[in-house]
Amino acid sequence: MKNKQSLRLHQAQRQRQAFSPARGRFIEILTKNRQELAAELRSLIAVNPFLHTVADEVLFAQAQPESDLRADLLTQLHTGRWRCRIDAAEYIIEALDDHGFYDPAQPAPGFPMEDIAAALEVIQQLEPFGVGCRDSLDFIRCQLKSRNETTALRVLNEGAAELSTHRTNALCRKLNITETELNRQLEIIRTCQLYPCQLGQTENSCVQADVLLTLADDEFTITPLTPQVSLDIPAGPLSPPLKQYLKEARLTLDQIDQRNLTMQLVFQSLVRRQRNHLMSEAPLAVCRLKEVAEETGLHVSTVSRACAHKYYEYHGLIRPFSDLLCKPLHNVSRSEIAAQLKRWIEEENPDSPLDDEQLAQRFQNEGLILSRRRIADVRKRLNIPNSYRRKALKKAP
């Protein structure tokens, strides 16, 4: 008798998380480390009248390089005769992002659109060339126009769809040019710069910690080191554009608070699992992203973003979060395997050093099956030469 498929309906609960613009914005903020978040906050403070800095050395120290170039733009503005509202042009200069770009679609409270458009035309005549462009693509177009590269400009304007799908033959037919000519025009486009200037700090060789970890009375304390901003709400009714600014400011602060909470939950889990390592420099325990996600109730991808490019300070040293993660190898942490391997090599007879095969046999005697190739990989990661090299170094005068 054939089995009949049941058509009964069964109710079941399923947890789903819808992706929204707010969620995407939170993920973007979560991915940023302390320095990147400080740069983001500087840009937001420049255009949002409700956000203000709180005493934080990161914001002030990194914002310092901006003042010279902005002051130079203001000097050019005030020393020339321009047919625009000067206060609107000053607003645009302050609203430029770190690369000198300005999006005319963003709200400009207190200024009609025609005044902003006229002031933007003036800003785009200042030096350096390209200040006030919308984005890198707009800046490349300006460079091609100034160099009279009409064919390259057509490739950029009319061939975006074909270039993104690598359909060069279709683009050649569309523009009525040969493939050799197309490649030449692409080379011309590649010679263009992406940014007209750098208003923010171009390079910061000093890594800054996102959290401070301290130990007192055998208890760890975690202190976030996030750049601080405050919300300043004026009294009285607000116009619709200002209400939108206030909404965005509140959303930004909420997402920063959520970022800090998520990052602290993840780091607390890492510290809890690596307590012995942090207190007594014992080998790292097995600690994977999946286990941290299960403990914190977060998704694995969220934990990964909270750890990526984040640093903690402990005993005056700054290390990445990822240093506290340790993948297992046959249910034993890689750190324990490396520590045992290093210990055996330190205790070996210098005249008869252990080769990788002998080390693998020792691990097998301990109940851990490791291949000779795996032993060699761990040894190389520890910068330990092979047995032949170790013996030769021992004999060298």
Foldseek 3Di string as FASTA:
>chain_A
DDDDDDPDDDDDDDDDDDDDPLNVVLLVCLLDAQLRVLLVLQLLVLQFVFKFFDPACSNVVFLVLLVVVLVVLLVVLVVDDADADSVLLNSQSSNQHQQLEDALPADDPPDDSVRNVRSLVVSCPDPPHPRHHHFLLRSLLVVCVVVVVVLLNCCSPPVPVCVVVVVLVVVCVVSVHDSVVVVVSVVVSVVDDRGSHGSTDPDDPDQDAQWEWEADPLDIDIGGSHGDMDGHDDDDDDDVSSVVSNVVVVSVVVSVVVSVVLLVLLLVVLCVQQVCCLPPVDFAFAADLVVSCVVSVHDSVSSVSSQPSHWYAYPNDIDGSCVSHFHDDVNGTLRVVLVVLVVQQVPDDLQQGDFLVNSQVVVVVVVHHDDSVRSVVSCVVVVHDGSVVSSVVVPDD
